[in-house]
Protein backbone atom coordinates (compact mmCIF):
# COMPACT_ATOMS: atom_id res chain seq x y z
CA UNK A 1 3.66 -25.49 18.16
CA UNK A 2 3.27 -21.91 16.94
CA UNK A 3 2.21 -18.79 18.80
CA UNK A 4 0.48 -15.77 17.24
CA UNK A 5 -0.12 -12.32 18.68
CA UNK A 6 -2.61 -10.06 16.90
CA UNK A 7 -4.51 -6.81 17.28
CA UNK A 8 -7.95 -6.11 15.81
CA UNK A 9 -10.71 -3.55 16.24
CA UNK A 10 -14.11 -4.56 17.53
CA UNK A 11 -17.18 -3.18 15.79
CA UNK A 12 -18.84 -0.26 17.53
CA UNK A 13 -21.59 -0.95 19.99
CA UNK A 14 -20.29 -4.18 21.50
CA UNK A 15 -21.68 -4.47 25.03
CA UNK A 16 -20.10 -6.20 28.00
CA UNK A 17 -22.49 -9.08 27.38
CA UNK A 18 -21.25 -9.32 23.77
CA UNK A 19 -17.64 -9.46 24.93
CA UNK A 20 -18.50 -12.16 27.44
CA UNK A 21 -20.28 -14.17 24.74
CA UNK A 22 -17.24 -13.88 22.44
CA UNK A 23 -15.08 -15.08 25.32
CA UNK A 24 -17.33 -18.04 26.08
CA UNK A 25 -17.47 -19.16 22.44
CA UNK A 26 -13.68 -18.76 22.11
CA UNK A 27 -13.09 -20.88 25.18
CA UNK A 28 -15.32 -23.69 23.90
CA UNK A 29 -13.88 -23.68 20.37
CA UNK A 30 -10.27 -23.41 21.47
CA UNK A 31 -10.68 -26.17 24.05
CA UNK A 32 -11.79 -28.51 21.26
CA UNK A 33 -8.76 -27.51 19.17
CA UNK A 34 -6.34 -27.63 22.12
CA UNK A 35 -5.52 -23.94 21.69
CA UNK A 36 -4.55 -21.83 24.68
CA UNK A 37 -3.91 -18.15 25.19
CA UNK A 38 -5.36 -14.90 26.43
CA UNK A 39 -7.72 -12.28 25.00
CA UNK A 40 -7.66 -8.66 26.18
CA UNK A 41 -10.33 -6.12 25.28
CA UNK A 42 -9.67 -2.43 25.74
CA UNK A 43 -11.04 0.76 24.10
CA UNK A 44 -12.72 -1.18 21.29
CA UNK A 45 -9.60 -3.24 20.57
CA UNK A 46 -8.92 -6.96 20.82
CA UNK A 47 -5.39 -7.97 21.71
CA UNK A 48 -5.00 -11.75 21.59
CA UNK A 49 -2.27 -14.33 21.98
CA UNK A 50 -3.01 -17.83 20.63
CA UNK A 51 -0.81 -20.92 20.82
CA UNK A 52 -1.17 -24.47 19.63
CA UNK A 53 -0.55 -26.84 16.73
CA UNK A 54 -0.17 -24.95 13.44
CA UNK A 55 -3.13 -26.44 11.54
CA UNK A 56 -5.64 -25.70 14.29
CA UNK A 57 -4.02 -22.35 15.06
CA UNK A 58 -4.22 -20.97 11.52
CA UNK A 59 -7.73 -22.32 11.00
CA UNK A 60 -8.72 -20.38 14.13
CA UNK A 61 -7.00 -17.24 12.81
CA UNK A 62 -8.91 -17.55 9.52
CA UNK A 63 -12.20 -17.74 11.46
CA UNK A 64 -11.24 -14.62 13.38
CA UNK A 65 -10.40 -12.76 10.16
CA UNK A 66 -13.84 -13.62 8.79
CA UNK A 67 -15.69 -12.74 12.00
CA UNK A 68 -17.70 -9.55 11.28
CA UNK A 69 -17.17 -8.43 14.89
CA UNK A 70 -13.45 -7.93 14.12
CA UNK A 71 -11.99 -5.47 11.62
CA UNK A 72 -8.46 -4.44 10.68
CA UNK A 73 -6.77 -7.56 12.03
CA UNK A 74 -3.02 -7.02 12.25
CA UNK A 75 -0.66 -9.85 13.17
CA UNK A 76 1.99 -8.38 15.46
CA UNK A 77 4.15 -11.46 15.93
CA UNK A 78 4.44 -15.07 14.79
CA UNK A 79 6.59 -17.52 16.76
CA UNK A 80 7.20 -20.86 15.07
CA UNK A 81 8.45 -24.08 16.62
CA UNK A 82 7.45 -23.12 20.17
CA UNK A 83 8.33 -25.91 22.60
CA UNK A 84 6.36 -24.88 25.68
CA UNK A 85 3.00 -23.20 26.20
CA UNK A 86 2.94 -19.91 28.07
CA UNK A 87 -0.77 -20.12 28.76
CA UNK A 88 -1.32 -23.86 29.19
CA UNK A 89 -3.23 -23.40 32.43
CA UNK A 90 -5.36 -20.55 31.14
CA UNK A 91 -7.41 -22.27 28.44
CA UNK A 92 -8.53 -19.05 26.82
CA UNK A 93 -8.75 -16.40 29.48
CA UNK A 94 -10.52 -13.17 28.55
CA UNK A 95 -9.77 -9.92 30.35
CA UNK A 96 -11.78 -6.71 29.87
CA UNK A 97 -9.11 -4.22 30.85
CA UNK A 98 -11.43 -1.22 31.01
CA UNK A 99 -13.47 -2.91 33.78
CA UNK A 100 -10.55 -4.09 35.87
CA UNK A 101 -9.87 -2.27 39.16
CA UNK A 102 -6.49 -3.91 39.68
CA UNK A 103 -3.85 -1.11 39.90
CA UNK A 104 -1.39 -3.33 38.03
CA UNK A 105 -3.68 -3.20 34.98
CA UNK A 106 -3.27 0.57 34.46
CA UNK A 107 0.28 0.38 33.05
CA UNK A 108 -0.76 -2.66 30.99
CA UNK A 109 -3.57 -0.62 29.44
CA UNK A 110 -1.12 2.14 28.58
CA UNK A 111 1.31 -0.36 27.08
CA UNK A 112 -1.33 -2.01 24.87
CA UNK A 113 -2.58 1.39 23.77
CA UNK A 114 0.95 2.40 22.77
CA UNK A 115 1.62 -0.89 20.95
CA UNK A 116 -1.63 -0.60 19.03
CA UNK A 117 -1.02 2.99 17.97
CA UNK A 118 2.53 2.11 16.92
CA UNK A 119 1.44 -0.77 14.70
CA UNK A 120 -1.49 1.16 13.22
CA UNK A 121 0.98 3.92 12.31
CA UNK A 122 3.39 1.39 10.81
CA UNK A 123 0.63 0.18 8.48
CA UNK A 124 0.66 3.61 6.82
CA UNK A 125 4.43 4.09 6.58
CA UNK A 126 6.12 0.69 6.31
CA UNK A 127 6.27 -1.08 2.89
CA UNK A 128 3.69 -3.83 2.44
CA UNK A 129 6.36 -6.48 1.90
CA UNK A 130 8.07 -5.65 5.18
CA UNK A 131 4.82 -5.71 7.15
CA UNK A 132 3.78 -8.95 5.49
CA UNK A 133 7.14 -10.53 6.34
CA UNK A 134 6.83 -9.45 9.97
CA UNK A 135 3.32 -10.88 10.15
CA UNK A 136 4.61 -14.22 8.89
CA UNK A 137 7.30 -14.38 11.55
CA UNK A 138 10.20 -13.42 9.26
CA UNK A 139 12.96 -10.92 9.92
CA UNK A 140 13.05 -8.55 6.90
CA UNK A 141 16.58 -7.46 7.87
CA UNK A 142 17.77 -10.93 6.83
CA UNK A 143 16.28 -10.74 3.34
CA UNK A 144 18.67 -10.76 0.39
CA UNK A 145 18.17 -9.14 -2.99
CA UNK A 146 16.11 -11.21 -5.43
CA UNK A 147 15.39 -10.98 -9.15
CA UNK A 148 11.74 -10.54 -10.10
CA UNK A 149 9.66 -9.67 -13.13
CA UNK A 150 7.22 -6.83 -12.59
CA UNK A 151 5.44 -3.94 -14.22
CA UNK A 152 6.65 -0.61 -12.80
CA UNK A 153 4.64 2.62 -12.95
CA UNK A 154 5.86 6.11 -12.07
CA UNK A 155 3.58 9.13 -11.75
CA UNK A 156 4.34 12.75 -10.97
CA UNK A 157 2.38 16.03 -10.80
CA UNK A 158 3.18 18.49 -13.59
CA UNK A 159 4.43 21.90 -12.44
CA UNK A 160 4.59 20.92 -8.80
CA UNK A 161 7.51 23.23 -7.93
CA UNK A 162 5.36 26.20 -8.93
CA UNK A 163 2.43 24.84 -6.92
CA UNK A 164 4.63 24.71 -3.81
CA UNK A 165 5.65 28.32 -4.31
CA UNK A 166 2.15 29.64 -4.94
CA UNK A 167 -0.26 27.61 -2.82
CA UNK A 168 -1.22 28.00 0.81
CA UNK A 169 0.14 25.02 2.77
CA UNK A 170 -3.29 23.83 3.90
CA UNK A 171 -4.58 23.91 0.33
CA UNK A 172 -1.39 22.25 -0.93
CA UNK A 173 -1.73 19.40 1.56
CA UNK A 174 -5.38 18.92 0.63
CA UNK A 175 -4.51 18.78 -3.07
CA UNK A 176 -1.71 16.26 -2.52
CA UNK A 177 -3.91 14.09 -0.32
CA UNK A 178 -6.60 14.12 -3.02
CA UNK A 179 -4.08 13.17 -5.71
CA UNK A 180 -2.66 10.29 -3.67
CA UNK A 181 -6.16 9.10 -2.72
CA UNK A 182 -7.09 8.94 -6.41
CA UNK A 183 -3.87 7.10 -7.23
CA UNK A 184 -4.09 4.71 -4.28
CA UNK A 185 -7.65 3.71 -5.15
CA UNK A 186 -6.79 3.15 -8.82
CA UNK A 187 -3.68 1.08 -8.04
CA UNK A 188 -5.40 -0.99 -5.35
CA UNK A 189 -8.42 -1.70 -7.54
CA UNK A 190 -6.16 -3.13 -10.26
CA UNK A 191 -4.07 -5.50 -8.12
CA UNK A 192 -1.07 -3.17 -7.85
CA UNK A 193 0.82 -1.72 -4.91
CA UNK A 194 2.32 1.68 -4.31
CA UNK A 195 5.95 1.07 -3.34
CA UNK A 196 6.84 4.65 -2.38
CA UNK A 197 5.50 8.15 -2.26
CA UNK A 198 7.97 10.58 -3.78
CA UNK A 199 6.81 14.00 -2.65
CA UNK A 200 4.54 14.90 -5.56
CA UNK A 201 4.62 11.46 -7.18
CA UNK A 202 4.88 7.76 -6.53
CA UNK A 203 6.26 4.44 -7.75
CA UNK A 204 3.93 1.45 -8.04
CA UNK A 205 4.29 -2.10 -9.30
CA UNK A 206 2.15 -4.94 -10.59
CA UNK A 207 2.66 -8.65 -11.33
CA UNK A 208 3.72 -9.21 -14.94
CA UNK A 209 0.47 -11.03 -15.70
CA UNK A 210 -1.47 -7.88 -14.76
CA UNK A 211 -0.22 -5.61 -17.56
CA UNK A 212 -3.77 -4.80 -18.64
CA UNK A 213 -4.61 -3.92 -15.06
CA UNK A 214 -1.58 -1.66 -14.77
CA UNK A 215 -2.65 0.24 -17.88
CA UNK A 216 -6.22 0.45 -16.56
CA UNK A 217 -4.92 2.04 -13.35
CA UNK A 218 -3.01 4.68 -15.33
CA UNK A 219 -6.11 5.49 -17.36
CA UNK A 220 -8.24 5.69 -14.21
CA UNK A 221 -5.83 8.17 -12.61
CA UNK A 222 -5.78 10.45 -15.66
CA UNK A 223 -9.59 10.39 -15.99
CA UNK A 224 -10.12 11.03 -12.28
CA UNK A 225 -7.79 14.02 -12.46
CA UNK A 226 -9.78 15.30 -15.42
CA UNK A 227 -12.94 15.07 -13.30
CA UNK A 228 -11.14 16.82 -10.43
CA UNK A 229 -10.16 19.70 -12.70
CA UNK A 230 -13.70 20.06 -14.02
CA UNK A 231 -15.26 20.19 -10.55
CA UNK A 232 -12.56 22.03 -8.61
CA UNK A 233 -13.42 25.38 -7.04
CA UNK A 234 -9.70 26.19 -6.87
CA UNK A 235 -7.81 27.81 -9.72
CA UNK A 236 -4.87 25.58 -8.82
CA UNK A 237 -7.05 22.48 -8.78
CA UNK A 238 -8.16 23.24 -12.33
CA UNK A 239 -4.53 22.91 -13.46
CA UNK A 240 -3.64 19.59 -11.80
CA UNK A 241 -2.17 17.17 -14.33
CA UNK A 242 0.22 14.28 -13.96
CA UNK A 243 2.53 12.31 -16.20
CA UNK A 244 2.75 8.51 -16.02
CA UNK A 245 5.55 6.27 -17.30
CA UNK A 246 5.33 2.47 -17.45
CA UNK A 247 7.88 -0.26 -18.17
CA UNK A 248 8.05 -3.99 -17.49
CA UNK A 249 10.57 -6.77 -17.14
CA UNK A 250 13.39 -8.06 -14.99
CA UNK A 251 14.40 -6.07 -11.91
CA UNK A 252 15.95 -6.48 -8.47
CA UNK A 253 13.85 -6.32 -5.31
CA UNK A 254 14.99 -6.15 -1.71
CA UNK A 255 16.83 -4.30 1.03
CA UNK A 256 19.46 -1.68 0.43
CA UNK A 257 21.06 0.72 2.88
CA UNK A 258 23.44 0.89 5.79
CA UNK A 259 23.49 -0.64 9.25
CA UNK A 260 21.54 2.42 10.44
CA UNK A 261 18.94 2.83 7.71
CA UNK A 262 17.30 0.33 5.34
CA UNK A 263 14.94 0.73 2.42
CA UNK A 264 12.96 -2.02 0.70
CA UNK A 265 12.88 -1.02 -2.94
CA UNK A 266 12.98 -1.97 -6.62
CA UNK A 267 16.13 -1.47 -8.70
CA UNK A 268 17.06 -1.86 -12.33
CA UNK A 269 16.66 -0.62 -15.89
CA UNK A 270 12.90 -1.16 -15.84
CA UNK A 271 12.59 1.18 -12.86
CA UNK A 272 14.82 3.82 -14.46
CA UNK A 273 12.94 3.62 -17.77
CA UNK A 274 9.53 4.08 -16.14
CA UNK A 275 10.84 7.12 -14.24
CA UNK A 276 12.38 8.66 -17.39
CA UNK A 277 9.22 8.03 -19.42
CA UNK A 278 7.18 9.79 -16.76
CA UNK A 279 9.39 12.89 -17.15
CA UNK A 280 9.25 12.61 -20.95
CA UNK A 281 5.45 12.95 -20.97
CA UNK A 282 5.94 16.73 -20.79
CA UNK A 283 7.92 16.82 -24.03
CA UNK A 284 5.75 14.35 -25.96
CA UNK A 285 2.49 15.95 -24.86
CA UNK A 286 0.77 12.74 -23.74
CA UNK A 287 0.08 11.97 -20.05
CA UNK A 288 0.78 8.22 -20.41
CA UNK A 289 3.92 6.81 -22.01
CA UNK A 290 5.19 3.21 -22.02
CA UNK A 291 8.05 1.39 -23.69
CA UNK A 292 8.24 -1.66 -25.96
CA UNK A 293 8.78 -4.02 -23.04
CA UNK A 294 5.46 -3.08 -21.55
CA UNK A 295 3.85 -3.04 -25.01
CA UNK A 296 4.98 -6.64 -25.45
CA UNK A 297 3.21 -7.56 -22.21
CA UNK A 298 -0.10 -6.43 -23.63
CA UNK A 299 -1.57 -9.17 -25.76
CA UNK A 300 -2.81 -8.43 -29.24
CA UNK A 301 -6.41 -8.59 -28.03
CA UNK A 302 -5.97 -5.55 -25.81
CA UNK A 303 -8.99 -3.25 -25.83
CA UNK A 304 -6.77 -0.16 -25.90
CA UNK A 305 -5.92 1.73 -29.08
CA UNK A 306 -2.14 2.03 -29.01
CA UNK A 307 -0.16 4.69 -30.84
CA UNK A 308 3.57 4.49 -31.58
CA UNK A 309 5.55 7.65 -30.84
CA UNK A 310 8.85 6.57 -32.35
CA UNK A 311 11.96 6.27 -30.19
CA UNK A 312 13.43 8.04 -27.20
CA UNK A 313 16.97 8.05 -25.82
CA UNK A 314 16.88 8.42 -22.03
CA UNK A 315 19.84 10.12 -20.45
CA UNK A 316 22.55 7.63 -19.53
CA UNK A 317 21.28 4.86 -21.83
CA UNK A 318 23.07 3.70 -24.96
CA UNK A 319 19.99 2.23 -26.64
CA UNK A 320 16.89 4.08 -27.70
CA UNK A 321 13.51 3.03 -26.37
CA UNK A 322 10.50 2.47 -28.58
CA UNK A 323 7.73 4.41 -26.90
CA UNK A 324 3.94 4.27 -27.11
CA UNK A 325 0.83 5.97 -25.77
CA UNK A 326 -2.92 5.45 -25.90
CA UNK A 327 -5.22 7.06 -28.44
CA UNK A 328 -8.19 8.36 -26.46
CA UNK A 329 -9.92 11.76 -26.61
CA UNK A 330 -9.67 12.29 -22.86
CA UNK A 331 -6.14 10.96 -22.31
CA UNK A 332 -4.50 14.23 -23.23
CA UNK A 333 -3.01 17.35 -21.73
CA UNK A 334 -5.81 19.87 -22.26
CA UNK A 335 -3.25 22.54 -21.38
CA UNK A 336 0.18 21.93 -22.95
CA UNK A 337 2.69 20.94 -20.24
CA UNK A 338 4.96 23.84 -21.21
CA UNK A 339 2.08 26.23 -20.42
CA UNK A 340 0.97 24.72 -17.09
CA UNK A 341 3.75 26.27 -15.00
CA UNK A 342 3.27 29.60 -16.77
CA UNK A 343 -0.43 29.62 -15.92
CA UNK A 344 0.27 28.62 -12.32
CA UNK A 345 2.77 31.47 -11.88
CA UNK A 346 0.22 34.14 -12.72
CA UNK A 347 -2.45 32.87 -10.29
């Protein structure tokens, strides 16, 4: 048998009668599938433990994920190969913690509230791969390095050091949050993932088969920043540009660090090249640069008009990279990168 523990949010407006109906339906369905467990409801949250044979258990979990009365389902723990039921005599007991007068329930409410807030916070800070591994019952600390093929994208705000010096902290935070919201939406909409936020920039990756999507995300970010500049009421906001570098190919993925601190990251020449190309956008005068490895990923039928920019020798590399950009009237630095910091300093 397997056992799953999950947290989800209930939609607003669920009455006591609604909760009781959910409980009654769960008990009937789970009895047919020989599933046992317990369901807590507290402050608009469901906290449930389910146990039973894997096929029936995961079919039940899929139904719960698709139930419109649940949102934001987060699997806290998966236990595989369980030998004995913990809730065999309970069927599927439902407990509305907010209605219970039992004094023992008060610390339980506090504990569930703390657990929920902890896991909701982890969703924002912990890498997707690590969370996904935890939700599948794996121990990410046991993972070894593995070779993968991916597209890697680096982006970074131009003239950010000057922005930090000149901007009010509240305005600076708002600007950064807007930038990362634009980037996050573009990456997510094109099947990519942001691996890390790097102060004023980020690293993202895509499956190799999604090269076109990766390029589309870069274009979307540049065009959204153009719109931001045009509609910003802030003099600083009207000078927000970023550079984007893209590479593709073989890399290493996994845990690095010490016994005290671990990081799940991507390593290799592809990663270094994407980061260097991002920095090189300032010198070449184009906001998007990519190398020949990424160019080779794009099939000949690509809708983009590609322009060769010759070669570039990144620091520390012995071979020069063939580099490319896109020909598009709006994919440009309207203010030369060398002038952006100068303009920011006089604001």
